[in-house]
Amino acid sequence: MTAKILIVTGDAAESLEVLYPYQRLREEGYEVDIAAPARKKLQFVVHDFEPGFDTYTEKPGYTYQADLAFSEVDPGQYAAVVIPGGRAPEYLRNDPELRKILKSFFDADKPVAQICHGPLLTAAIGSLEGRRVTSYPALELDMQAAGASFQDQEAVVDGTLVSSRAWPDHPSWMRAFLRVLREKAPVA
C-alpha cells in the first residue's frame, strides 16, 4: 500500500509552496491529498519581491481543487503532513478541525513539513515549544514567542519536523523532508 501524504492549505496559499511538494512527493511515489476548509477550487497566490518594496508583493496564482474538507480528514490514513505558507496560515490557524488534525500528527510523531508562514499553524497548537525551526524571516519573533529556537537556514530538521524559510529553499527543504519520510514512512 502506498503511503499517503496530506497537504493542508486554503485560499491565498503560496502557489509554489503547495504545488512543488505536491508534485515532488507524487514523483517520489507517495499518494498526496490536498485538504482545505471546504472541497472547492482554491485560489493560490504568488509572492515575489519588487525593487523598492520593503516586503513581498502578492499576485493571483494558480487555482487548484481541494480533494477534501478538513472535516473529512482521517489523520490516521496519512503518514505525514505538509503545511505550505502564504497568507492562508493566518486564518487557517483559527480552524478547530485543522488544529485537531495537526495535533494528531505531532502526538503520533509523524513527519511534518512546514514552510514560510506555515509554522503559524504549528505555533497555534503549541507544538513548537523547545524545538528548532525556521520560517519566513519576518516570523522570527513569532517563532520565539511560540517557544522555538529560530534558525535562519534553508532547512531545519528537528526530529520529524522539517521547516524551511520560503519557496527559494525548496530543494533543501524537500531533500531534508524526503530523508525523514524514507526513514519513517517509506514508499511501499
C-alpha atoms as a PDB file:
ATOM      1  CA  MET A   1       0.000   0.000   0.000  1.00  0.00           C
ATOM      2  CA  THR A   2       1.349   3.424  -0.969  1.00  0.00           C
ATOM      3  CA  ALA A   3       1.984   5.846   1.880  1.00  0.00           C
ATOM      4  CA  LYS A   4      -0.300   8.878   1.797  1.00  0.00           C
ATOM      5  CA  ILE A   5       0.731  12.462   2.478  1.00  0.00           C
ATOM      6  CA  LEU A   6      -1.688  15.246   3.419  1.00  0.00           C
ATOM      7  CA  ILE A   7      -1.213  18.875   2.372  1.00  0.00           C
ATOM      8  CA  VAL A   8      -3.310  21.332   4.410  1.00  0.00           C
ATOM      9  CA  THR A   9      -3.956  24.701   2.830  1.00  0.00           C
ATOM     10  CA  GLY A  10      -6.533  27.256   1.720  1.00  0.00           C
ATOM     11  CA  ASP A  11      -7.105  30.330  -0.400  1.00  0.00           C
ATOM     12  CA  ALA A  12      -4.121  32.705  -0.611  1.00  0.00           C
ATOM     13  CA  ALA A  13      -1.569  29.940  -0.066  1.00  0.00           C
ATOM     14  CA  GLU A  14       1.677  30.460  -1.962  1.00  0.00           C
ATOM     15  CA  SER A  15       1.290  28.575  -5.274  1.00  0.00           C
ATOM     16  CA  LEU A  16       4.819  27.180  -5.331  1.00  0.00           C
ATOM     17  CA  GLU A  17       4.664  26.045  -1.704  1.00  0.00           C
ATOM     18  CA  VAL A  18       1.613  23.899  -2.423  1.00  0.00           C
ATOM     19  CA  LEU A  19       2.371  22.625  -5.903  1.00  0.00           C
ATOM     20  CA  TYR A  20       6.097  21.924  -5.597  1.00  0.00           C
ATOM     21  CA  PRO A  21       5.760  19.479  -2.681  1.00  0.00           C
ATOM     22  CA  TYR A  22       2.577  18.045  -4.223  1.00  0.00           C
ATOM     23  CA  GLN A  23       4.379  17.184  -7.455  1.00  0.00           C
ATOM     24  CA  ARG A  24       7.698  16.219  -5.841  1.00  0.00           C
ATOM     25  CA  LEU A  25       6.063  13.806  -3.384  1.00  0.00           C
ATOM     26  CA  ARG A  26       3.968  12.219  -6.142  1.00  0.00           C
ATOM     27  CA  GLU A  27       7.105  11.862  -8.233  1.00  0.00           C
ATOM     28  CA  GLU A  28       8.680  10.007  -5.302  1.00  0.00           C
ATOM     29  CA  GLY A  29       5.722   7.570  -5.285  1.00  0.00           C
ATOM     30  CA  TYR A  30       3.561   8.943  -2.475  1.00  0.00           C
ATOM     31  CA  GLU A  31      -0.182   9.461  -2.810  1.00  0.00           C
ATOM     32  CA  VAL A  32      -0.956  13.099  -1.940  1.00  0.00           C
ATOM     33  CA  ASP A  33      -4.271  14.701  -0.922  1.00  0.00           C
ATOM     34  CA  ILE A  34      -4.927  18.417  -0.546  1.00  0.00           C
ATOM     35  CA  ALA A  35      -7.294  19.376   2.269  1.00  0.00           C
ATOM     36  CA  ALA A  36      -8.834  22.810   2.861  1.00  0.00           C
ATOM     37  CA  PRO A  37     -11.697  24.292   4.878  1.00  0.00           C
ATOM     38  CA  ALA A  38     -14.085  23.046   2.144  1.00  0.00           C
ATOM     39  CA  ARG A  39     -13.955  20.947  -1.022  1.00  0.00           C
ATOM     40  CA  LYS A  40     -13.686  23.753  -3.535  1.00  0.00           C
ATOM     41  CA  LYS A  41     -11.425  25.322  -6.107  1.00  0.00           C
ATOM     42  CA  LEU A  42      -8.731  27.151  -4.152  1.00  0.00           C
ATOM     43  CA  GLN A  43      -7.163  30.411  -5.333  1.00  0.00           C
ATOM     44  CA  PHE A  44      -3.435  30.404  -4.650  1.00  0.00           C
ATOM     45  CA  VAL A  45      -1.154  33.441  -4.858  1.00  0.00           C
ATOM     46  CA  VAL A  46       2.367  34.302  -5.965  1.00  0.00           C
ATOM     47  CA  HIS A  47       4.609  36.186  -3.568  1.00  0.00           C
ATOM     48  CA  ASP A  48       7.612  37.889  -5.073  1.00  0.00           C
ATOM     49  CA  PHE A  49       9.904  40.834  -4.489  1.00  0.00           C
ATOM     50  CA  GLU A  50       9.860  44.125  -6.377  1.00  0.00           C
ATOM     51  CA  PRO A  51      12.616  46.753  -6.339  1.00  0.00           C
ATOM     52  CA  GLY A  52      11.855  49.478  -3.828  1.00  0.00           C
ATOM     53  CA  PHE A  53       9.303  47.453  -1.798  1.00  0.00           C
ATOM     54  CA  ASP A  54      10.047  46.754   1.865  1.00  0.00           C
ATOM     55  CA  THR A  55       8.240  43.403   1.755  1.00  0.00           C
ATOM     56  CA  TYR A  56       6.932  40.921  -0.790  1.00  0.00           C
ATOM     57  CA  THR A  57       4.101  41.618  -3.206  1.00  0.00           C
ATOM     58  CA  GLU A  58       1.143  39.358  -3.886  1.00  0.00           C
ATOM     59  CA  LYS A  59      -0.354  38.471  -7.255  1.00  0.00           C
ATOM     60  CA  PRO A  60      -3.011  35.923  -8.225  1.00  0.00           C
ATOM     61  CA  GLY A  61      -1.551  32.452  -8.728  1.00  0.00           C
ATOM     62  CA  TYR A  62      -2.850  29.072  -9.790  1.00  0.00           C
ATOM     63  CA  THR A  63      -6.210  27.628  -8.843  1.00  0.00           C
ATOM     64  CA  TYR A  64      -6.474  24.035  -7.648  1.00  0.00           C
ATOM     65  CA  GLN A  65      -9.263  21.783  -6.446  1.00  0.00           C
ATOM     66  CA  ALA A  66      -9.141  20.648  -2.814  1.00  0.00           C
ATOM     67  CA  ASP A  67      -9.587  16.877  -2.517  1.00  0.00           C
ATOM     68  CA  LEU A  68     -11.068  17.016   0.983  1.00  0.00           C
ATOM     69  CA  ALA A  69     -12.541  19.346   3.545  1.00  0.00           C
ATOM     70  CA  PHE A  70     -10.765  19.383   6.918  1.00  0.00           C
ATOM     71  CA  SER A  71     -13.893  17.795   8.426  1.00  0.00           C
ATOM     72  CA  GLU A  72     -13.410  14.776   6.117  1.00  0.00           C
ATOM     73  CA  VAL A  73      -9.762  14.113   7.008  1.00  0.00           C
ATOM     74  CA  ASP A  74      -8.851  10.995   8.977  1.00  0.00           C
ATOM     75  CA  PRO A  75      -5.276  11.734  10.092  1.00  0.00           C
ATOM     76  CA  GLY A  76      -4.723   8.022  10.726  1.00  0.00           C
ATOM     77  CA  GLN A  77      -4.778   7.432   6.957  1.00  0.00           C
ATOM     78  CA  TYR A  78      -1.749   9.680   6.398  1.00  0.00           C
ATOM     79  CA  ALA A  79       1.938   9.073   7.030  1.00  0.00           C
ATOM     80  CA  ALA A  80       2.883  12.766   7.051  1.00  0.00           C
ATOM     81  CA  VAL A  81       1.576  16.292   6.585  1.00  0.00           C
ATOM     82  CA  VAL A  82       2.850  19.305   4.609  1.00  0.00           C
ATOM     83  CA  ILE A  83       1.974  22.848   5.697  1.00  0.00           C
ATOM     84  CA  PRO A  84       2.545  25.446   2.955  1.00  0.00           C
ATOM     85  CA  GLY A  85       2.824  29.155   3.604  1.00  0.00           C
ATOM     86  CA  GLY A  86       1.371  32.232   2.002  1.00  0.00           C
ATOM     87  CA  ARG A  87      -1.401  34.122   3.773  1.00  0.00           C
ATOM     88  CA  ALA A  88      -3.555  31.013   4.280  1.00  0.00           C
ATOM     89  CA  PRO A  89      -2.000  30.059   7.651  1.00  0.00           C
ATOM     90  CA  GLU A  90      -3.062  33.422   9.116  1.00  0.00           C
ATOM     91  CA  TYR A  91      -6.725  32.428   9.032  1.00  0.00           C
ATOM     92  CA  LEU A  92      -6.386  28.628   8.969  1.00  0.00           C
ATOM     93  CA  ARG A  93      -4.870  28.638  12.466  1.00  0.00           C
ATOM     94  CA  ASN A  94      -8.336  29.585  13.737  1.00  0.00           C
ATOM     95  CA  ASP A  95      -9.933  26.408  12.292  1.00  0.00           C
ATOM     96  CA  PRO A  96     -10.585  23.903  15.122  1.00  0.00           C
ATOM     97  CA  GLU A  97     -10.770  20.931  12.715  1.00  0.00           C
ATOM     98  CA  LEU A  98      -7.352  21.744  11.296  1.00  0.00           C
ATOM     99  CA  ARG A  99      -5.831  22.255  14.744  1.00  0.00           C
ATOM    100  CA  LYS A 100      -7.136  18.800  15.738  1.00  0.00           C
ATOM    101  CA  ILE A 101      -5.654  17.251  12.563  1.00  0.00           C
ATOM    102  CA  LEU A 102      -2.238  18.820  13.093  1.00  0.00           C
ATOM    103  CA  LYS A 103      -2.148  17.908  16.772  1.00  0.00           C
ATOM    104  CA  SER A 104      -2.703  14.259  15.864  1.00  0.00           C
ATOM    105  CA  PHE A 105       0.384  14.277  13.609  1.00  0.00           C
ATOM    106  CA  PHE A 106       2.543  15.687  16.398  1.00  0.00           C
ATOM    107  CA  ASP A 107       1.045  13.346  19.021  1.00  0.00           C
ATOM    108  CA  ALA A 108       1.920  10.366  16.788  1.00  0.00           C
ATOM    109  CA  ASP A 109       5.398  11.785  15.960  1.00  0.00           C
ATOM    110  CA  LYS A 110       4.630  11.615  12.234  1.00  0.00           C
ATOM    111  CA  PRO A 111       6.705  13.684   9.775  1.00  0.00           C
ATOM    112  CA  VAL A 112       5.621  17.299   9.379  1.00  0.00           C
ATOM    113  CA  ALA A 113       6.997  19.667   6.727  1.00  0.00           C
ATOM    114  CA  GLN A 114       6.282  23.371   7.129  1.00  0.00           C
ATOM    115  CA  ILE A 115       7.435  26.350   5.122  1.00  0.00           C
ATOM    116  CA  CYS A 116       7.249  30.139   5.161  1.00  0.00           C
ATOM    117  CA  HIS A 117       4.153  31.184   7.169  1.00  0.00           C
ATOM    118  CA  GLY A 118       3.101  27.538   7.724  1.00  0.00           C
ATOM    119  CA  PRO A 119       4.684  27.490  11.215  1.00  0.00           C
ATOM    120  CA  LEU A 120       1.918  29.860  12.351  1.00  0.00           C
ATOM    121  CA  LEU A 121      -0.266  26.736  12.340  1.00  0.00           C
ATOM    122  CA  THR A 122       2.083  24.593  14.408  1.00  0.00           C
ATOM    123  CA  ALA A 123       2.596  27.512  16.795  1.00  0.00           C
ATOM    124  CA  ALA A 124      -1.196  27.752  17.214  1.00  0.00           C
ATOM    125  CA  ILE A 125      -1.333  24.180  18.539  1.00  0.00           C
ATOM    126  CA  GLY A 126       1.637  24.642  20.890  1.00  0.00           C
ATOM    127  CA  SER A 127       3.902  22.224  19.007  1.00  0.00           C
ATOM    128  CA  LEU A 128       6.953  24.453  18.629  1.00  0.00           C
ATOM    129  CA  GLU A 129       7.908  24.753  22.304  1.00  0.00           C
ATOM    130  CA  GLY A 130      11.563  23.762  22.698  1.00  0.00           C
ATOM    131  CA  ARG A 131      12.023  22.969  19.005  1.00  0.00           C
ATOM    132  CA  ARG A 132      14.448  24.302  16.411  1.00  0.00           C
ATOM    133  CA  VAL A 133      12.644  25.776  13.393  1.00  0.00           C
ATOM    134  CA  THR A 134      12.912  28.194  10.552  1.00  0.00           C
ATOM    135  CA  SER A 135      10.196  30.159   8.790  1.00  0.00           C
ATOM    136  CA  TYR A 136       9.819  33.252   6.682  1.00  0.00           C
ATOM    137  CA  PRO A 137      12.353  35.527   8.435  1.00  0.00           C
ATOM    138  CA  ALA A 138       9.721  38.127   9.383  1.00  0.00           C
ATOM    139  CA  LEU A 139       8.209  35.481  11.699  1.00  0.00           C
ATOM    140  CA  GLU A 140      11.336  35.102  13.842  1.00  0.00           C
ATOM    141  CA  LEU A 141       9.679  36.848  16.807  1.00  0.00           C
ATOM    142  CA  ASP A 142       6.510  34.748  16.382  1.00  0.00           C
ATOM    143  CA  MET A 143       8.606  31.566  16.446  1.00  0.00           C
ATOM    144  CA  GLN A 144      10.419  32.730  19.577  1.00  0.00           C
ATOM    145  CA  ALA A 145       7.089  33.663  21.214  1.00  0.00           C
ATOM    146  CA  ALA A 146       5.922  30.092  20.459  1.00  0.00           C
ATOM    147  CA  GLY A 147       8.936  28.794  22.402  1.00  0.00           C
ATOM    148  CA  ALA A 148      11.026  27.779  19.393  1.00  0.00           C
ATOM    149  CA  SER A 149      14.660  28.455  18.638  1.00  0.00           C
ATOM    150  CA  PHE A 150      14.662  30.260  15.281  1.00  0.00           C
ATOM    151  CA  GLN A 151      17.379  29.248  12.803  1.00  0.00           C
ATOM    152  CA  ASP A 152      17.843  31.339   9.638  1.00  0.00           C
ATOM    153  CA  GLN A 153      18.675  28.401   7.349  1.00  0.00           C
ATOM    154  CA  GLU A 154      17.258  26.869   4.160  1.00  0.00           C
ATOM    155  CA  ALA A 155      16.007  23.804   6.037  1.00  0.00           C
ATOM    156  CA  VAL A 156      15.927  22.884   9.717  1.00  0.00           C
ATOM    157  CA  VAL A 157      15.255  19.350  10.905  1.00  0.00           C
ATOM    158  CA  ASP A 158      14.166  18.758  14.500  1.00  0.00           C
ATOM    159  CA  GLY A 159      13.188  15.102  14.837  1.00  0.00           C
ATOM    160  CA  THR A 160      10.287  14.576  12.428  1.00  0.00           C
ATOM    161  CA  LEU A 161       9.656  18.311  11.972  1.00  0.00           C
ATOM    162  CA  VAL A 162      11.232  19.821   8.847  1.00  0.00           C
ATOM    163  CA  SER A 163      10.887  23.554   8.283  1.00  0.00           C
ATOM    164  CA  SER A 164      12.027  25.999   5.640  1.00  0.00           C
ATOM    165  CA  ARG A 165      12.004  29.754   5.037  1.00  0.00           C
ATOM    166  CA  ALA A 166      10.261  30.133   1.667  1.00  0.00           C
ATOM    167  CA  TRP A 167       9.963  28.772  -1.863  1.00  0.00           C
ATOM    168  CA  PRO A 168      13.538  29.624  -2.927  1.00  0.00           C
ATOM    169  CA  ASP A 169      14.637  26.964  -0.390  1.00  0.00           C
ATOM    170  CA  HIS A 170      12.517  24.157  -1.889  1.00  0.00           C
ATOM    171  CA  PRO A 171      15.413  21.887  -2.924  1.00  0.00           C
ATOM    172  CA  SER A 172      16.934  21.820   0.596  1.00  0.00           C
ATOM    173  CA  TRP A 173      13.511  21.540   2.241  1.00  0.00           C
ATOM    174  CA  MET A 174      12.318  18.603   0.154  1.00  0.00           C
ATOM    175  CA  ARG A 175      15.685  16.789   0.379  1.00  0.00           C
ATOM    176  CA  ALA A 176      15.506  17.016   4.177  1.00  0.00           C
ATOM    177  CA  PHE A 177      11.820  16.021   4.306  1.00  0.00           C
ATOM    178  CA  LEU A 178      12.363  13.060   1.984  1.00  0.00           C
ATOM    179  CA  ARG A 179      15.187  11.790   4.231  1.00  0.00           C
ATOM    180  CA  VAL A 180      12.746  11.820   7.164  1.00  0.00           C
ATOM    181  CA  LEU A 181       9.976  10.213   5.075  1.00  0.00           C
ATOM    182  CA  ARG A 182      12.249   7.437   3.783  1.00  0.00           C
ATOM    183  CA  GLU A 183      13.034   6.515   7.386  1.00  0.00           C
ATOM    184  CA  LYS A 184       9.559   6.953   8.944  1.00  0.00           C
ATOM    185  CA  ALA A 185       7.197   6.318   6.007  1.00  0.00           C
ATOM    186  CA  PRO A 186       8.944   4.724   3.045  1.00  0.00           C
ATOM    187  CA  VAL A 187       7.073   4.202  -0.208  1.00  0.00           C
ATOM    188  CA  ALA A 188       5.838   0.598  -0.280  1.00  0.00           C
END
